[in-house]
Amino acid sequence: MVGVLVVILGVVVAVVAIVALHAPNGHKNKAVTGNPTSSISQSRTSRPSGTPTTKPTTRSNSSSSSSSSSSSTPNPKSVPLVVLNNTTTPNLASQAATRFRSGGWTVTSFGNLTNDIISTCAYYDPDTAGAKAAAQALQAQYPTIKRVEPKFDGLPAGPVVVVLTPDYSAS
């Protein structure tokens, strides 16, 4: 009997260790639901057609790497956003994406997320130039985004990922 309890305790400790390793910064393992994946890819397909014609053409015409480095601080609203609904409110990410687009932002995709996020947050990719500034500018324009933090593993690709929680309001 004691041996069985020791084995069970060992398994529990192993599971906790694995979860802790896969969930840095106190975030629980996250899962983007199956349906949003299709929303994300559909939105990405529709967005690149508009952006590449304007940005790459401008960058190719300048054809200098100093232009790229100086473009690390362009208009923050040109930095692509991914919007994820981490609530039980249907279509919240879609509504927020529309709101952000109306405010001049570039939203490339939206979907759902299941996670233990404490408050609405704009997560930025620290390796992407201008991502942090864009996340901060988005928060300044929409104060219902409570925090700006570096991205953690498990969020979709993108310079800025906005995760909406129950404290998000569209007003």
Protein backbone atom coordinates (compact mmCIF):
# COMPACT_ATOMS: atom_id res chain seq x y z
CA MET A 1 0.00 0.00 0.00
CA VAL A 2 2.78 2.45 0.90
CA GLY A 3 4.60 1.55 -2.32
CA VAL A 4 1.53 2.42 -4.41
CA LEU A 5 1.19 5.78 -2.66
CA VAL A 6 4.86 6.56 -3.31
CA VAL A 7 4.44 5.73 -7.00
CA ILE A 8 1.31 7.93 -7.25
CA LEU A 9 3.11 10.77 -5.47
CA GLY A 10 6.03 10.40 -7.88
CA VAL A 11 3.72 10.61 -10.89
CA VAL A 12 2.02 13.73 -9.49
CA VAL A 13 5.39 15.40 -8.88
CA ALA A 14 6.48 14.54 -12.44
CA VAL A 15 3.28 15.99 -13.92
CA VAL A 16 3.68 19.21 -11.89
CA ALA A 17 7.30 19.52 -13.03
CA ILE A 18 6.35 19.04 -16.69
CA VAL A 19 3.57 21.62 -16.44
CA ALA A 20 5.93 24.07 -14.72
CA LEU A 21 8.54 23.63 -17.46
CA HIS A 22 5.99 24.15 -20.24
CA ALA A 23 4.25 27.08 -18.58
CA PRO A 24 6.76 29.80 -17.69
CA ASN A 25 5.76 33.00 -15.86
CA GLY A 26 2.99 31.19 -13.99
CA HIS A 27 0.88 30.66 -17.11
CA LYS A 28 -1.00 27.41 -17.48
CA ASN A 29 -0.62 25.38 -20.64
CA LYS A 30 -2.70 27.03 -23.29
CA ALA A 31 -4.71 25.62 -26.13
CA VAL A 32 -6.05 27.47 -29.09
CA THR A 33 -9.35 25.84 -29.93
CA GLY A 34 -9.72 24.05 -33.25
CA ASN A 35 -12.17 26.48 -34.81
CA PRO A 36 -10.00 29.57 -34.24
CA THR A 37 -7.13 27.96 -36.08
CA SER A 38 -9.21 28.20 -39.21
CA SER A 39 -10.13 31.80 -38.31
CA ILE A 40 -6.46 32.57 -37.84
CA SER A 41 -5.39 31.09 -41.16
CA GLN A 42 -8.30 32.66 -43.04
CA SER A 43 -7.52 36.07 -41.58
CA ARG A 44 -3.83 35.68 -42.36
CA THR A 45 -4.61 34.83 -45.95
CA SER A 46 -6.79 37.87 -46.41
CA ARG A 47 -4.38 40.26 -44.70
CA PRO A 48 -1.09 39.62 -46.51
CA SER A 49 -2.59 40.54 -49.87
CA GLY A 50 -3.13 44.14 -48.67
CA THR A 51 0.04 44.65 -46.68
CA PRO A 52 2.69 43.15 -48.96
CA THR A 53 1.71 45.41 -51.82
CA THR A 54 2.37 48.52 -49.77
CA LYS A 55 5.22 47.65 -47.43
CA PRO A 56 7.52 45.36 -49.42
CA THR A 57 7.30 47.61 -52.45
CA THR A 58 8.38 50.59 -50.36
CA ARG A 59 11.16 48.60 -48.75
CA SER A 60 12.39 47.20 -52.06
CA ASN A 61 12.46 50.64 -53.62
CA SER A 62 14.61 51.91 -50.77
CA SER A 63 16.75 48.75 -51.04
CA SER A 64 19.02 49.50 -48.13
CA SER A 65 19.48 47.65 -44.89
CA SER A 66 19.75 50.97 -43.05
CA SER A 67 16.19 51.61 -44.21
CA SER A 68 15.13 48.36 -42.52
CA SER A 69 16.91 49.29 -39.31
CA SER A 70 15.45 52.78 -39.37
CA SER A 71 12.05 51.22 -40.04
CA SER A 72 12.27 49.52 -36.65
CA THR A 73 10.35 52.51 -35.30
CA PRO A 74 7.73 53.10 -37.98
CA ASN A 75 4.07 53.64 -37.23
CA PRO A 76 3.26 51.19 -34.40
CA LYS A 77 -0.17 50.60 -35.94
CA SER A 78 1.49 48.85 -38.87
CA VAL A 79 2.74 46.07 -36.57
CA PRO A 80 0.47 43.02 -37.10
CA LEU A 81 -1.86 42.02 -34.25
CA VAL A 82 -3.37 38.65 -33.41
CA VAL A 83 -6.47 38.88 -31.19
CA LEU A 84 -7.54 35.94 -29.01
CA ASN A 85 -10.70 35.51 -26.96
CA ASN A 86 -9.94 33.91 -23.58
CA THR A 87 -13.54 34.29 -22.34
CA THR A 88 -16.86 32.54 -22.75
CA THR A 89 -18.26 35.53 -24.68
CA PRO A 90 -18.87 34.40 -28.27
CA ASN A 91 -17.21 36.40 -31.08
CA LEU A 92 -15.35 38.72 -28.69
CA ALA A 93 -12.07 38.40 -30.63
CA SER A 94 -13.83 39.19 -33.90
CA GLN A 95 -15.49 42.26 -32.37
CA ALA A 96 -12.21 43.44 -30.83
CA ALA A 97 -10.41 42.87 -34.14
CA THR A 98 -12.98 45.08 -35.87
CA ARG A 99 -12.56 47.71 -33.15
CA PHE A 100 -8.76 47.69 -33.46
CA ARG A 101 -8.96 47.88 -37.27
CA SER A 102 -11.32 50.87 -36.96
CA GLY A 103 -8.67 52.48 -34.78
CA GLY A 104 -6.11 52.08 -37.57
CA TRP A 105 -4.42 48.86 -36.43
CA THR A 106 -3.40 45.93 -38.63
CA VAL A 107 -5.14 42.78 -37.35
CA THR A 108 -3.95 39.68 -39.19
CA SER A 109 -5.98 37.05 -37.34
CA PHE A 110 -8.27 36.30 -34.44
CA GLY A 111 -9.50 33.24 -32.60
CA ASN A 112 -9.99 31.68 -29.19
CA LEU A 113 -7.61 30.68 -26.43
CA THR A 114 -8.05 28.61 -23.30
CA ASN A 115 -5.64 29.72 -20.58
CA ASP A 116 -5.36 31.23 -17.11
CA ILE A 117 -4.58 34.81 -18.10
CA ILE A 118 -5.27 37.20 -15.20
CA SER A 119 -6.22 40.27 -17.23
CA THR A 120 -6.42 41.48 -20.81
CA CYS A 121 -2.88 41.77 -22.09
CA ALA A 122 -0.95 42.70 -25.22
CA TYR A 123 1.89 40.19 -25.45
CA TYR A 124 4.79 41.30 -27.65
CA ASP A 125 7.62 39.34 -29.24
CA PRO A 126 10.81 40.75 -27.69
CA ASP A 127 12.77 39.62 -30.75
CA THR A 128 10.67 41.73 -33.14
CA ALA A 129 11.71 45.35 -33.54
CA GLY A 130 8.90 47.73 -32.71
CA ALA A 131 6.64 45.05 -31.17
CA LYS A 132 6.92 46.35 -27.60
CA ALA A 133 6.30 49.95 -28.70
CA ALA A 134 3.28 48.81 -30.71
CA ALA A 135 1.85 46.88 -27.74
CA GLN A 136 2.32 49.94 -25.52
CA ALA A 137 0.71 52.24 -28.10
CA LEU A 138 -2.23 49.83 -28.41
CA GLN A 139 -2.65 49.86 -24.63
CA ALA A 140 -2.49 53.66 -24.60
CA GLN A 141 -5.24 53.84 -27.23
CA TYR A 142 -7.34 51.10 -25.57
CA PRO A 143 -6.87 51.30 -21.76
CA THR A 144 -9.06 48.22 -21.33
CA ILE A 145 -5.84 46.37 -22.26
CA LYS A 146 -4.52 46.19 -18.71
CA ARG A 147 -0.98 44.92 -19.28
CA VAL A 148 1.85 44.72 -21.80
CA GLU A 149 4.13 41.71 -21.36
CA PRO A 150 6.65 39.66 -23.38
CA LYS A 151 5.10 36.68 -25.19
CA PHE A 152 5.28 33.24 -23.62
CA ASP A 153 5.56 29.86 -25.38
CA GLY A 154 2.29 28.59 -26.75
CA LEU A 155 0.92 31.84 -28.13
CA PRO A 156 0.53 31.99 -31.91
CA ALA A 157 3.19 33.59 -34.08
CA GLY A 158 3.00 37.33 -34.47
CA PRO A 159 4.73 40.41 -33.14
CA VAL A 160 1.78 41.33 -30.87
CA VAL A 161 -0.85 38.93 -29.53
CA VAL A 162 -3.74 40.48 -27.62
CA VAL A 163 -5.44 38.08 -25.21
CA LEU A 164 -8.90 39.24 -24.10
CA THR A 165 -10.10 38.21 -20.64
CA PRO A 166 -13.41 38.91 -18.85
CA ASP A 167 -12.14 42.37 -17.81
CA TYR A 168 -12.06 43.50 -21.47
CA SER A 169 -14.78 45.91 -22.51
CA ALA A 170 -15.41 47.47 -25.89
CA SER A 171 -16.19 50.90 -24.45
